[in-house]
Amino acid sequence: MKVETIVAPGNLSDVPRAARQAEELGYDGVVTVETGHDPFLPLALAAEHTERVTLGTAVAIAFPRSPMAVAQMAWDLQAVSKGRLLLGLGTQVKGHIERRYSTTWTAPGPRLREYILCLRAIWDCWQNGTTPSFQGEHYTFTLMTPYFNPGPIEHPHVPIYISAVNAYNCRLAGELCDGIRMHAFNTPKYLREVIVPNLEKGARKAGRSLKDLDISGGAFIVTGANDEEIEQARRFTKQQISFYGSTRTYKPVMDVHGWGDTCLKLNALSLQGRWQEMTDEISDEMLEQFAVVGTYDQIAQRIKERLGGIVTTIGFAMPLRSQADREKLRAILQTLRE
């Protein structure tokens, strides 16, 4: 199991130090998220100041960016990092695509399939000189003049990961992608009954198996040095679960446990801005399904018990307040890898 950590881009000037520290601590990769900041800019800095760790977007929202724009950014990052980029893409939900990104919404699964194929066609043109001839319902790539062609690079295969919750995108990840970045809004039951079977279906369609995929993520992590810190983390994680659980797109995850009505109630509360009441709707039973819980001494083994044998990459972080914390983190990373 490989282990990644988020390089938070609150201030770009902090990224070099954070990326170097992650590499020194023994992480396998660093990732960025697209929340309040662009996910690509920090990776350019991280690439310059590290030598070993992979560099991933987890995830960049695809549809507001054209395939050509993403292809260019990924190609340059892949070149400067000497082949360490893991391009993670996501679809987001309709409300955010239309009302936050000012982008037209269409059926996300088929559109994402075209997006991936178009990216690969662009890179093939740049690397191998193939004629641009991709034409789909949503995206077209039929023009590339020498002036706009960046040319070949040393590591031309850019691994593509997609975030996937529902069945179609899980099959798409299995068929076309190098990996899947599973949402933390996930449970062991949903993983076994929905995600893995659909990954396998997609992989079989392409003549592959699960062994050909990097399966990343899959749970919230609730940990701390003592019971007081764990209780604080439990409360915060319940808030996160209630936030994601209010999105009707994620209702299938709740449905497998018979909690679909809770999703609808959370959605109604969110529309009224009743955030505190949303957190109160998340029971301890729900938390135990969505999260791996344990102290720093327990958490690595509990992650392995929960996700080992399926998940090949996990995200993990803890505050580093002393040298003892650093040594504890190194031990956790080592245990997760074994």
C-alpha atoms as a PDB file:
ATOM      1  CA  MET A   1       0.000   0.000   0.000  1.00  0.00           C
ATOM      2  CA  LYS A   2       1.391   3.390  -1.015  1.00  0.00           C
ATOM      3  CA  VAL A   3       0.692   6.456   1.122  1.00  0.00           C
ATOM      4  CA  GLU A   4       0.025  10.022  -0.032  1.00  0.00           C
ATOM      5  CA  THR A   5      -0.549  13.313   1.730  1.00  0.00           C
ATOM      6  CA  ILE A   6      -2.170  16.570   0.653  1.00  0.00           C
ATOM      7  CA  VAL A   7       0.033  19.567  -0.017  1.00  0.00           C
ATOM      8  CA  ALA A   8      -2.404  22.310   0.929  1.00  0.00           C
ATOM      9  CA  PRO A   9      -1.973  25.280  -1.439  1.00  0.00           C
ATOM     10  CA  GLY A  10      -3.266  27.945   0.940  1.00  0.00           C
ATOM     11  CA  ASN A  11      -0.120  29.904   0.113  1.00  0.00           C
ATOM     12  CA  LEU A  12       1.967  28.788  -2.863  1.00  0.00           C
ATOM     13  CA  SER A  13       5.150  29.882  -1.119  1.00  0.00           C
ATOM     14  CA  ASP A  14       4.565  27.122   1.471  1.00  0.00           C
ATOM     15  CA  VAL A  15       4.428  24.336  -1.111  1.00  0.00           C
ATOM     16  CA  PRO A  16       8.182  23.712  -1.608  1.00  0.00           C
ATOM     17  CA  ARG A  17       8.775  23.178   2.112  1.00  0.00           C
ATOM     18  CA  ALA A  18       5.699  20.987   2.524  1.00  0.00           C
ATOM     19  CA  ALA A  19       6.570  18.838  -0.488  1.00  0.00           C
ATOM     20  CA  ARG A  20      10.189  18.387   0.623  1.00  0.00           C
ATOM     21  CA  GLN A  21       9.033  17.444   4.107  1.00  0.00           C
ATOM     22  CA  ALA A  22       6.612  14.844   2.748  1.00  0.00           C
ATOM     23  CA  GLU A  23       9.392  13.262   0.722  1.00  0.00           C
ATOM     24  CA  GLU A  24      11.794  13.275   3.694  1.00  0.00           C
ATOM     25  CA  LEU A  25       9.165  11.654   5.937  1.00  0.00           C
ATOM     26  CA  GLY A  26       8.789   8.779   3.522  1.00  0.00           C
ATOM     27  CA  TYR A  27       5.514   9.477   1.735  1.00  0.00           C
ATOM     28  CA  ASP A  28       5.116   7.902  -1.704  1.00  0.00           C
ATOM     29  CA  GLY A  29       3.206  10.831  -3.165  1.00  0.00           C
ATOM     30  CA  VAL A  30       1.761  14.280  -2.625  1.00  0.00           C
ATOM     31  CA  VAL A  31      -1.587  15.427  -3.973  1.00  0.00           C
ATOM     32  CA  THR A  32      -3.470  18.679  -4.384  1.00  0.00           C
ATOM     33  CA  VAL A  33      -7.217  19.245  -4.204  1.00  0.00           C
ATOM     34  CA  GLU A  34      -9.392  21.707  -6.065  1.00  0.00           C
ATOM     35  CA  THR A  35     -11.250  23.420  -3.273  1.00  0.00           C
ATOM     36  CA  GLY A  36     -10.305  27.070  -2.856  1.00  0.00           C
ATOM     37  CA  HIS A  37      -7.255  26.967  -5.099  1.00  0.00           C
ATOM     38  CA  ASP A  38      -6.034  25.707  -8.462  1.00  0.00           C
ATOM     39  CA  PRO A  39      -4.684  22.142  -8.213  1.00  0.00           C
ATOM     40  CA  PHE A  40      -2.010  22.397 -10.927  1.00  0.00           C
ATOM     41  CA  LEU A  41       0.114  25.361  -9.817  1.00  0.00           C
ATOM     42  CA  PRO A  42       1.322  23.761  -6.550  1.00  0.00           C
ATOM     43  CA  LEU A  43       2.474  20.654  -8.417  1.00  0.00           C
ATOM     44  CA  ALA A  44       4.872  22.690 -10.540  1.00  0.00           C
ATOM     45  CA  LEU A  45       6.542  23.917  -7.354  1.00  0.00           C
ATOM     46  CA  ALA A  46       6.455  20.462  -5.764  1.00  0.00           C
ATOM     47  CA  ALA A  47       8.080  18.958  -8.861  1.00  0.00           C
ATOM     48  CA  GLU A  48      10.932  21.457  -8.687  1.00  0.00           C
ATOM     49  CA  HIS A  49      11.657  20.760  -5.016  1.00  0.00           C
ATOM     50  CA  THR A  50      11.317  16.951  -4.869  1.00  0.00           C
ATOM     51  CA  GLU A  51      12.883  14.003  -6.651  1.00  0.00           C
ATOM     52  CA  ARG A  52      10.939  10.859  -5.755  1.00  0.00           C
ATOM     53  CA  VAL A  53       7.298  11.412  -4.746  1.00  0.00           C
ATOM     54  CA  THR A  54       4.478  11.169  -7.260  1.00  0.00           C
ATOM     55  CA  LEU A  55       2.498  14.358  -7.874  1.00  0.00           C
ATOM     56  CA  GLY A  56      -1.259  14.023  -8.182  1.00  0.00           C
ATOM     57  CA  THR A  57      -4.362  16.126  -8.633  1.00  0.00           C
ATOM     58  CA  ALA A  58      -7.048  14.672  -6.396  1.00  0.00           C
ATOM     59  CA  VAL A  59      -8.903  15.856  -8.290  1.00  0.00           C
ATOM     60  CA  ALA A  60      -8.987  18.583 -10.954  1.00  0.00           C
ATOM     61  CA  ILE A  61     -12.498  19.294 -12.221  1.00  0.00           C
ATOM     62  CA  ALA A  62     -12.493  18.372 -15.894  1.00  0.00           C
ATOM     63  CA  PHE A  63     -15.441  20.017 -17.612  1.00  0.00           C
ATOM     64  CA  PRO A  64     -14.657  23.710 -16.918  1.00  0.00           C
ATOM     65  CA  ARG A  65     -11.269  23.100 -18.606  1.00  0.00           C
ATOM     66  CA  SER A  66     -10.973  22.026 -22.225  1.00  0.00           C
ATOM     67  CA  PRO A  67      -9.045  18.793 -22.914  1.00  0.00           C
ATOM     68  CA  MET A  68      -6.400  20.872 -24.717  1.00  0.00           C
ATOM     69  CA  ALA A  69      -5.856  23.124 -21.691  1.00  0.00           C
ATOM     70  CA  VAL A  70      -5.476  20.133 -19.376  1.00  0.00           C
ATOM     71  CA  ALA A  71      -3.305  18.271 -21.893  1.00  0.00           C
ATOM     72  CA  GLN A  72      -0.876  21.209 -21.989  1.00  0.00           C
ATOM     73  CA  MET A  73      -0.648  21.562 -18.212  1.00  0.00           C
ATOM     74  CA  ALA A  74      -0.224  17.811 -17.726  1.00  0.00           C
ATOM     75  CA  TRP A  75       2.406  17.546 -20.484  1.00  0.00           C
ATOM     76  CA  ASP A  76       4.513  20.314 -18.943  1.00  0.00           C
ATOM     77  CA  LEU A  77       4.174  18.894 -15.419  1.00  0.00           C
ATOM     78  CA  GLN A  78       5.068  15.426 -16.651  1.00  0.00           C
ATOM     79  CA  ALA A  79       8.176  16.805 -18.329  1.00  0.00           C
ATOM     80  CA  VAL A  80       9.415  18.898 -15.411  1.00  0.00           C
ATOM     81  CA  SER A  81       8.742  16.105 -12.875  1.00  0.00           C
ATOM     82  CA  LYS A  82      10.429  13.466 -15.071  1.00  0.00           C
ATOM     83  CA  GLY A  83       7.328  11.310 -15.267  1.00  0.00           C
ATOM     84  CA  ARG A  84       5.868  11.648 -11.764  1.00  0.00           C
ATOM     85  CA  LEU A  85       2.463  13.185 -12.572  1.00  0.00           C
ATOM     86  CA  LEU A  86      -0.756  11.343 -11.727  1.00  0.00           C
ATOM     87  CA  LEU A  87      -3.536  13.278 -13.455  1.00  0.00           C
ATOM     88  CA  GLY A  88      -6.683  12.923 -11.387  1.00  0.00           C
ATOM     89  CA  LEU A  89      -9.921  14.202 -12.940  1.00  0.00           C
ATOM     90  CA  GLY A  90     -13.422  14.578 -11.566  1.00  0.00           C
ATOM     91  CA  THR A  91     -16.837  15.591 -12.857  1.00  0.00           C
ATOM     92  CA  GLN A  92     -18.321  17.484  -9.867  1.00  0.00           C
ATOM     93  CA  VAL A  93     -22.101  17.700  -9.536  1.00  0.00           C
ATOM     94  CA  LYS A  94     -24.578  19.663 -11.626  1.00  0.00           C
ATOM     95  CA  GLY A  95     -25.096  22.576  -9.229  1.00  0.00           C
ATOM     96  CA  HIS A  96     -21.404  23.368  -8.997  1.00  0.00           C
ATOM     97  CA  ILE A  97     -20.734  22.897 -12.719  1.00  0.00           C
ATOM     98  CA  GLU A  98     -23.533  25.271 -13.691  1.00  0.00           C
ATOM     99  CA  ARG A  99     -23.622  27.770 -10.837  1.00  0.00           C
ATOM    100  CA  ARG A 100     -19.996  27.878  -9.637  1.00  0.00           C
ATOM    101  CA  TYR A 101     -18.055  27.128 -12.822  1.00  0.00           C
ATOM    102  CA  SER A 102     -20.514  28.651 -15.344  1.00  0.00           C
ATOM    103  CA  THR A 103     -20.217  25.515 -17.468  1.00  0.00           C
ATOM    104  CA  THR A 104     -22.893  23.594 -19.345  1.00  0.00           C
ATOM    105  CA  TRP A 105     -24.002  20.352 -17.705  1.00  0.00           C
ATOM    106  CA  THR A 106     -24.484  17.169 -19.699  1.00  0.00           C
ATOM    107  CA  ALA A 107     -24.495  13.488 -18.717  1.00  0.00           C
ATOM    108  CA  PRO A 108     -21.132  13.316 -16.939  1.00  0.00           C
ATOM    109  CA  GLY A 109     -20.114   9.698 -17.538  1.00  0.00           C
ATOM    110  CA  PRO A 110     -20.182   9.633 -21.354  1.00  0.00           C
ATOM    111  CA  ARG A 111     -18.708  13.117 -21.438  1.00  0.00           C
ATOM    112  CA  LEU A 112     -15.806  12.081 -19.208  1.00  0.00           C
ATOM    113  CA  ARG A 113     -15.162   9.054 -21.426  1.00  0.00           C
ATOM    114  CA  GLU A 114     -14.753  11.367 -24.421  1.00  0.00           C
ATOM    115  CA  TYR A 115     -12.570  13.691 -22.373  1.00  0.00           C
ATOM    116  CA  ILE A 116     -10.126  10.898 -21.547  1.00  0.00           C
ATOM    117  CA  LEU A 117      -9.984   9.661 -25.136  1.00  0.00           C
ATOM    118  CA  CYS A 118      -9.441  13.196 -26.396  1.00  0.00           C
ATOM    119  CA  LEU A 119      -6.558  13.751 -23.948  1.00  0.00           C
ATOM    120  CA  ARG A 120      -4.884  10.579 -25.137  1.00  0.00           C
ATOM    121  CA  ALA A 121      -5.349  11.595 -28.772  1.00  0.00           C
ATOM    122  CA  ILE A 122      -3.684  14.962 -28.101  1.00  0.00           C
ATOM    123  CA  TRP A 123      -0.711  13.388 -26.342  1.00  0.00           C
ATOM    124  CA  ASP A 124      -0.332  10.772 -29.065  1.00  0.00           C
ATOM    125  CA  CYS A 125      -0.191  13.547 -31.644  1.00  0.00           C
ATOM    126  CA  TRP A 126       2.501  15.404 -29.715  1.00  0.00           C
ATOM    127  CA  GLN A 127       4.585  12.336 -28.965  1.00  0.00           C
ATOM    128  CA  ASN A 128       4.213  10.279 -32.141  1.00  0.00           C
ATOM    129  CA  GLY A 129       3.112  12.755 -34.784  1.00  0.00           C
ATOM    130  CA  THR A 130      -0.246  11.080 -35.374  1.00  0.00           C
ATOM    131  CA  THR A 131      -2.859  13.029 -37.301  1.00  0.00           C
ATOM    132  CA  PRO A 132      -5.361  14.796 -35.009  1.00  0.00           C
ATOM    133  CA  SER A 133      -8.637  13.093 -35.828  1.00  0.00           C
ATOM    134  CA  PHE A 134     -10.677  12.799 -32.631  1.00  0.00           C
ATOM    135  CA  GLN A 135     -14.332  13.733 -33.084  1.00  0.00           C
ATOM    136  CA  GLY A 136     -16.895  13.118 -30.399  1.00  0.00           C
ATOM    137  CA  GLU A 137     -20.240  14.459 -29.333  1.00  0.00           C
ATOM    138  CA  HIS A 138     -18.694  16.810 -26.768  1.00  0.00           C
ATOM    139  CA  TYR A 139     -15.049  17.265 -27.786  1.00  0.00           C
ATOM    140  CA  THR A 140     -13.147  17.589 -31.058  1.00  0.00           C
ATOM    141  CA  PHE A 141      -9.427  17.525 -31.775  1.00  0.00           C
ATOM    142  CA  THR A 142      -8.708  17.799 -35.499  1.00  0.00           C
ATOM    143  CA  LEU A 143      -6.151  20.622 -35.705  1.00  0.00           C
ATOM    144  CA  MET A 144      -2.546  20.833 -34.520  1.00  0.00           C
ATOM    145  CA  THR A 145      -0.069  23.067 -36.311  1.00  0.00           C
ATOM    146  CA  PRO A 146       3.699  22.907 -35.613  1.00  0.00           C
ATOM    147  CA  TYR A 147       3.647  26.296 -33.898  1.00  0.00           C
ATOM    148  CA  PHE A 148       1.323  24.982 -31.155  1.00  0.00           C
ATOM    149  CA  ASN A 149       2.833  21.490 -30.831  1.00  0.00           C
ATOM    150  CA  PRO A 150       5.131  21.165 -27.783  1.00  0.00           C
ATOM    151  CA  GLY A 151       6.696  18.013 -29.193  1.00  0.00           C
ATOM    152  CA  PRO A 152       7.676  14.733 -27.537  1.00  0.00           C
ATOM    153  CA  ILE A 153       8.855  14.295 -23.941  1.00  0.00           C
ATOM    154  CA  GLU A 154      10.879  11.644 -22.138  1.00  0.00           C
ATOM    155  CA  HIS A 155       7.926  10.153 -20.186  1.00  0.00           C
ATOM    156  CA  PRO A 156       4.922  10.430 -22.524  1.00  0.00           C
ATOM    157  CA  HIS A 157       2.510   8.180 -20.637  1.00  0.00           C
ATOM    158  CA  VAL A 158       0.549  10.410 -18.269  1.00  0.00           C
ATOM    159  CA  PRO A 159      -1.420   8.179 -15.861  1.00  0.00           C
ATOM    160  CA  ILE A 160      -5.079   9.195 -15.701  1.00  0.00           C
ATOM    161  CA  TYR A 161      -7.172   8.644 -12.588  1.00  0.00           C
ATOM    162  CA  ILE A 162     -10.819   9.582 -12.177  1.00  0.00           C
ATOM    163  CA  SER A 163     -12.913  10.088  -9.095  1.00  0.00           C
ATOM    164  CA  ALA A 164     -15.840   7.686  -9.118  1.00  0.00           C
ATOM    165  CA  VAL A 165     -18.771   7.028  -6.811  1.00  0.00           C
ATOM    166  CA  ASN A 166     -21.506   5.632  -9.011  1.00  0.00           C
ATOM    167  CA  ALA A 167     -21.398   2.531 -11.188  1.00  0.00           C
ATOM    168  CA  TYR A 168     -20.786   4.070 -14.637  1.00  0.00           C
ATOM    169  CA  ASN A 169     -17.630   5.942 -13.667  1.00  0.00           C
ATOM    170  CA  CYS A 170     -16.327   2.912 -11.763  1.00  0.00           C
ATOM    171  CA  ARG A 171     -16.655   0.877 -14.970  1.00  0.00           C
ATOM    172  CA  LEU A 172     -15.024   3.726 -16.904  1.00  0.00           C
ATOM    173  CA  ALA A 173     -12.075   3.753 -14.498  1.00  0.00           C
ATOM    174  CA  GLY A 174     -11.656   0.009 -14.918  1.00  0.00           C
ATOM    175  CA  GLU A 175     -11.777   0.232 -18.692  1.00  0.00           C
ATOM    176  CA  LEU A 176      -9.785   3.342 -19.593  1.00  0.00           C
ATOM    177  CA  CYS A 177      -7.845   4.639 -16.600  1.00  0.00           C
ATOM    178  CA  ASP A 178      -4.654   3.895 -14.717  1.00  0.00           C
ATOM    179  CA  GLY A 179      -6.408   4.304 -11.405  1.00  0.00           C
ATOM    180  CA  ILE A 180      -9.460   5.374  -9.476  1.00  0.00           C
ATOM    181  CA  ARG A 181      -9.549   7.977  -6.738  1.00  0.00           C
ATOM    182  CA  MET A 182     -12.371   6.783  -4.555  1.00  0.00           C
ATOM    183  CA  HIS A 183     -14.305   9.325  -2.561  1.00  0.00           C
ATOM    184  CA  ALA A 184     -13.912   9.185   1.208  1.00  0.00           C
ATOM    185  CA  PHE A 185     -17.731   9.074   1.231  1.00  0.00           C
ATOM    186  CA  ASN A 186     -17.613   5.313   0.972  1.00  0.00           C
ATOM    187  CA  THR A 187     -18.229   2.245   3.138  1.00  0.00           C
ATOM    188  CA  PRO A 188     -16.910  -1.346   3.107  1.00  0.00           C
ATOM    189  CA  LYS A 189     -20.324  -2.586   1.946  1.00  0.00           C
ATOM    190  CA  TYR A 190     -20.488  -0.104  -0.937  1.00  0.00           C
ATOM    191  CA  LEU A 191     -16.876  -0.874  -1.854  1.00  0.00           C
ATOM    192  CA  ARG A 192     -17.569  -4.614  -2.056  1.00  0.00           C
ATOM    193  CA  GLU A 193     -21.010  -4.462  -3.677  1.00  0.00           C
ATOM    194  CA  VAL A 194     -20.704  -1.542  -6.113  1.00  0.00           C
ATOM    195  CA  ILE A 195     -17.202  -0.178  -6.656  1.00  0.00           C
ATOM    196  CA  VAL A 196     -15.124  -3.345  -6.997  1.00  0.00           C
ATOM    197  CA  PRO A 197     -17.603  -5.291  -9.183  1.00  0.00           C
ATOM    198  CA  ASN A 198     -17.935  -2.353 -11.582  1.00  0.00           C
ATOM    199  CA  LEU A 199     -14.181  -1.789 -11.692  1.00  0.00           C
ATOM    200  CA  GLU A 200     -13.850  -5.453 -12.623  1.00  0.00           C
ATOM    201  CA  LYS A 201     -16.502  -5.159 -15.341  1.00  0.00           C
ATOM    202  CA  GLY A 202     -14.710  -2.229 -16.920  1.00  0.00           C
ATOM    203  CA  ALA A 203     -11.335  -3.914 -16.647  1.00  0.00           C
ATOM    204  CA  ARG A 204     -12.610  -7.103 -18.287  1.00  0.00           C
ATOM    205  CA  LYS A 205     -14.007  -5.062 -21.177  1.00  0.00           C
ATOM    206  CA  ALA A 206     -10.470  -3.798 -21.840  1.00  0.00           C
ATOM    207  CA  GLY A 207      -8.834  -7.200 -21.302  1.00  0.00           C
ATOM    208  CA  ARG A 208      -7.437  -6.140 -17.937  1.00  0.00           C
ATOM    209  CA  SER A 209      -7.869  -6.999 -14.262  1.00  0.00           C
ATOM    210  CA  LEU A 210      -7.891  -5.120 -10.965  1.00  0.00           C
ATOM    211  CA  LYS A 211      -4.137  -5.715 -10.749  1.00  0.00           C
ATOM    212  CA  ASP A 212      -3.728  -3.212 -13.586  1.00  0.00           C
ATOM    213  CA  LEU A 213      -5.337  -0.426 -11.538  1.00  0.00           C
ATOM    214  CA  ASP A 214      -4.178   1.762  -8.681  1.00  0.00           C
ATOM    215  CA  ILE A 215      -7.152   1.866  -6.296  1.00  0.00           C
ATOM    216  CA  SER A 216      -6.778   4.932  -4.113  1.00  0.00           C
ATOM    217  CA  GLY A 217      -8.689   6.205  -1.094  1.00  0.00           C
ATOM    218  CA  GLY A 218     -11.920   4.810   0.239  1.00  0.00           C
ATOM    219  CA  ALA A 219     -12.566   6.099   3.766  1.00  0.00           C
ATOM    220  CA  PHE A 220     -12.394   8.987   6.175  1.00  0.00           C
ATOM    221  CA  ILE A 221      -9.575   8.593   8.711  1.00  0.00           C
ATOM    222  CA  VAL A 222     -10.386   9.501  12.330  1.00  0.00           C
ATOM    223  CA  THR A 223      -7.292   9.459  14.496  1.00  0.00           C
ATOM    224  CA  GLY A 224      -5.467  11.285  17.258  1.00  0.00           C
ATOM    225  CA  ALA A 225      -3.006  10.848  20.079  1.00  0.00           C
ATOM    226  CA  ASN A 226      -5.683  10.303  22.732  1.00  0.00           C
ATOM    227  CA  ASP A 227      -9.425   9.973  23.321  1.00  0.00           C
ATOM    228  CA  GLU A 228      -9.956  13.744  23.446  1.00  0.00           C
ATOM    229  CA  GLU A 229      -8.332  14.279  20.024  1.00  0.00           C
ATOM    230  CA  ILE A 230     -10.255  11.351  18.546  1.00  0.00           C
ATOM    231  CA  GLU A 231     -13.550  12.778  19.821  1.00  0.00           C
ATOM    232  CA  GLN A 232     -12.774  16.103  18.155  1.00  0.00           C
ATOM    233  CA  ALA A 233     -11.936  14.262  14.929  1.00  0.00           C
ATOM    234  CA  ARG A 234     -15.160  12.249  15.148  1.00  0.00           C
ATOM    235  CA  ARG A 235     -17.233  15.421  15.371  1.00  0.00           C
ATOM    236  CA  PHE A 236     -15.427  17.032  12.450  1.00  0.00           C
ATOM    237  CA  THR A 237     -15.810  13.882  10.348  1.00  0.00           C
ATOM    238  CA  LYS A 238     -19.532  13.722  11.079  1.00  0.00           C
ATOM    239  CA  GLN A 239     -19.769  17.255   9.679  1.00  0.00           C
ATOM    240  CA  GLN A 240     -17.993  16.103   6.506  1.00  0.00           C
ATOM    241  CA  ILE A 241     -20.210  13.048   6.160  1.00  0.00           C
ATOM    242  CA  SER A 242     -23.340  15.165   6.564  1.00  0.00           C
ATOM    243  CA  PHE A 243     -22.083  17.609   3.922  1.00  0.00           C
ATOM    244  CA  TYR A 244     -21.417  14.914   1.322  1.00  0.00           C
ATOM    245  CA  GLY A 245     -24.494  12.981   2.382  1.00  0.00           C
ATOM    246  CA  SER A 246     -26.662  15.982   1.503  1.00  0.00           C
ATOM    247  CA  THR A 247     -25.707  15.580  -2.179  1.00  0.00           C
ATOM    248  CA  ARG A 248     -28.302  13.458  -3.933  1.00  0.00           C
ATOM    249  CA  THR A 249     -25.705  12.239  -6.431  1.00  0.00           C
ATOM    250  CA  TYR A 250     -24.151  10.279  -3.557  1.00  0.00           C
ATOM    251  CA  LYS A 251     -27.469   8.797  -2.392  1.00  0.00           C
ATOM    252  CA  PRO A 252     -26.600   5.312  -3.757  1.00  0.00           C
ATOM    253  CA  VAL A 253     -23.916   5.012  -1.068  1.00  0.00           C
ATOM    254  CA  MET A 254     -26.544   5.654   1.603  1.00  0.00           C
ATOM    255  CA  ASP A 255     -29.068   3.405  -0.124  1.00  0.00           C
ATOM    256  CA  VAL A 256     -27.004   0.224   0.286  1.00  0.00           C
ATOM    257  CA  HIS A 257     -27.334   0.681   4.059  1.00  0.00           C
ATOM    258  CA  GLY A 258     -31.013   1.694   3.969  1.00  0.00           C
ATOM    259  CA  TRP A 259     -30.115   5.312   4.777  1.00  0.00           C
ATOM    260  CA  GLY A 260     -31.521   6.892   1.622  1.00  0.00           C
ATOM    261  CA  ASP A 261     -34.121   8.888   3.562  1.00  0.00           C
ATOM    262  CA  THR A 262     -31.299  10.440   5.600  1.00  0.00           C
ATOM    263  CA  CYS A 263     -29.723  11.686   2.372  1.00  0.00           C
ATOM    264  CA  LEU A 264     -32.982  13.375   1.373  1.00  0.00           C
ATOM    265  CA  LYS A 265     -33.370  14.914   4.830  1.00  0.00           C
ATOM    266  CA  LEU A 266     -29.787  16.210   4.760  1.00  0.00           C
ATOM    267  CA  ASN A 267     -30.399  17.706   1.336  1.00  0.00           C
ATOM    268  CA  ALA A 268     -33.467  19.559   2.607  1.00  0.00           C
ATOM    269  CA  LEU A 269     -31.581  20.845   5.657  1.00  0.00           C
ATOM    270  CA  SER A 270     -28.672  22.033   3.507  1.00  0.00           C
ATOM    271  CA  LEU A 271     -31.021  24.096   1.329  1.00  0.00           C
ATOM    272  CA  GLN A 272     -32.171  25.831   4.522  1.00  0.00           C
ATOM    273  CA  GLY A 273     -28.604  26.380   5.772  1.00  0.00           C
ATOM    274  CA  ARG A 274     -29.218  24.269   8.895  1.00  0.00           C
ATOM    275  CA  TRP A 275     -25.675  22.893   9.056  1.00  0.00           C
ATOM    276  CA  GLN A 276     -25.584  22.000  12.756  1.00  0.00           C
ATOM    277  CA  GLU A 277     -28.737  19.914  12.478  1.00  0.00           C
ATOM    278  CA  MET A 278     -27.185  18.075   9.526  1.00  0.00           C
ATOM    279  CA  THR A 279     -24.273  16.921  11.683  1.00  0.00           C
ATOM    280  CA  ASP A 280     -26.717  15.639  14.308  1.00  0.00           C
ATOM    281  CA  GLU A 281     -28.296  13.354  11.675  1.00  0.00           C
ATOM    282  CA  ILE A 282     -25.060  11.321  11.400  1.00  0.00           C
ATOM    283  CA  SER A 283     -25.186   8.500  13.934  1.00  0.00           C
ATOM    284  CA  ASP A 284     -22.229   6.703  15.488  1.00  0.00           C
ATOM    285  CA  GLU A 285     -23.180   3.675  13.381  1.00  0.00           C
ATOM    286  CA  MET A 286     -22.881   5.732  10.212  1.00  0.00           C
ATOM    287  CA  LEU A 287     -19.534   7.141  11.311  1.00  0.00           C
ATOM    288  CA  GLU A 288     -18.158   3.642  11.914  1.00  0.00           C
ATOM    289  CA  GLN A 289     -19.126   2.663   8.367  1.00  0.00           C
ATOM    290  CA  PHE A 290     -17.676   5.744   6.680  1.00  0.00           C
ATOM    291  CA  ALA A 291     -14.518   6.119   8.779  1.00  0.00           C
ATOM    292  CA  VAL A 292     -11.579   4.133  10.095  1.00  0.00           C
ATOM    293  CA  VAL A 293     -11.195   5.121  13.747  1.00  0.00           C
ATOM    294  CA  GLY A 294      -8.226   4.613  16.065  1.00  0.00           C
ATOM    295  CA  THR A 295      -5.353   6.219  17.934  1.00  0.00           C
ATOM    296  CA  TYR A 296      -2.011   6.730  16.251  1.00  0.00           C
ATOM    297  CA  ASP A 297      -0.904   3.399  17.728  1.00  0.00           C
ATOM    298  CA  GLN A 298      -3.968   1.617  16.304  1.00  0.00           C
ATOM    299  CA  ILE A 299      -4.768   3.360  13.045  1.00  0.00           C
ATOM    300  CA  ALA A 300      -2.333   1.706  10.639  1.00  0.00           C
ATOM    301  CA  GLN A 301      -3.466  -1.794  11.532  1.00  0.00           C
ATOM    302  CA  ARG A 302      -7.132  -0.784  11.371  1.00  0.00           C
ATOM    303  CA  ILE A 303      -6.653   0.744   7.907  1.00  0.00           C
ATOM    304  CA  LYS A 304      -5.037  -2.498   6.758  1.00  0.00           C
ATOM    305  CA  GLU A 305      -7.869  -4.585   8.229  1.00  0.00           C
ATOM    306  CA  ARG A 306     -10.477  -2.396   6.550  1.00  0.00           C
ATOM    307  CA  LEU A 307      -8.904  -1.735   3.140  1.00  0.00           C
ATOM    308  CA  GLY A 308      -5.971  -4.110   2.745  1.00  0.00           C
ATOM    309  CA  GLY A 309      -6.160  -6.435  -0.246  1.00  0.00           C
ATOM    310  CA  ILE A 310      -8.259  -3.976  -2.250  1.00  0.00           C
ATOM    311  CA  VAL A 311      -6.892  -0.448  -1.826  1.00  0.00           C
ATOM    312  CA  THR A 312      -3.378   0.104  -3.153  1.00  0.00           C
ATOM    313  CA  THR A 313      -2.939   3.780  -2.180  1.00  0.00           C
ATOM    314  CA  ILE A 314      -4.229   5.580   0.893  1.00  0.00           C
ATOM    315  CA  GLY A 315      -4.105   9.162   2.084  1.00  0.00           C
ATOM    316  CA  PHE A 316      -2.898   9.784   5.623  1.00  0.00           C
ATOM    317  CA  ALA A 317      -1.797  12.826   7.607  1.00  0.00           C
ATOM    318  CA  MET A 318      -1.284  13.846  11.217  1.00  0.00           C
ATOM    319  CA  PRO A 319      -0.088  17.035  12.939  1.00  0.00           C
ATOM    320  CA  LEU A 320       3.650  17.139  13.529  1.00  0.00           C
ATOM    321  CA  ARG A 321       4.168  19.005  16.797  1.00  0.00           C
ATOM    322  CA  SER A 322       7.370  17.321  17.916  1.00  0.00           C
ATOM    323  CA  GLN A 323      10.145  14.996  16.838  1.00  0.00           C
ATOM    324  CA  ALA A 324       8.216  12.181  18.513  1.00  0.00           C
ATOM    325  CA  ASP A 325       5.275  12.892  16.177  1.00  0.00           C
ATOM    326  CA  ARG A 326       7.595  12.678  13.182  1.00  0.00           C
ATOM    327  CA  GLU A 327       8.906   9.312  14.302  1.00  0.00           C
ATOM    328  CA  LYS A 328       5.367   8.082  14.950  1.00  0.00           C
ATOM    329  CA  LEU A 329       4.340   9.114  11.439  1.00  0.00           C
ATOM    330  CA  ARG A 330       7.324   7.347   9.888  1.00  0.00           C
ATOM    331  CA  ALA A 331       6.350   4.179  11.766  1.00  0.00           C
ATOM    332  CA  ILE A 332       2.736   4.438  10.553  1.00  0.00           C
ATOM    333  CA  LEU A 333       3.855   4.894   6.950  1.00  0.00           C
ATOM    334  CA  GLN A 334       6.150   1.894   7.215  1.00  0.00           C
ATOM    335  CA  THR A 335       3.394  -0.285   8.701  1.00  0.00           C
ATOM    336  CA  LEU A 336       0.959   0.679   5.958  1.00  0.00           C
ATOM    337  CA  ARG A 337       3.478  -0.300   3.280  1.00  0.00           C
ATOM    338  CA  GLU A 338       4.179  -3.770   4.671  1.00  0.00           C
END
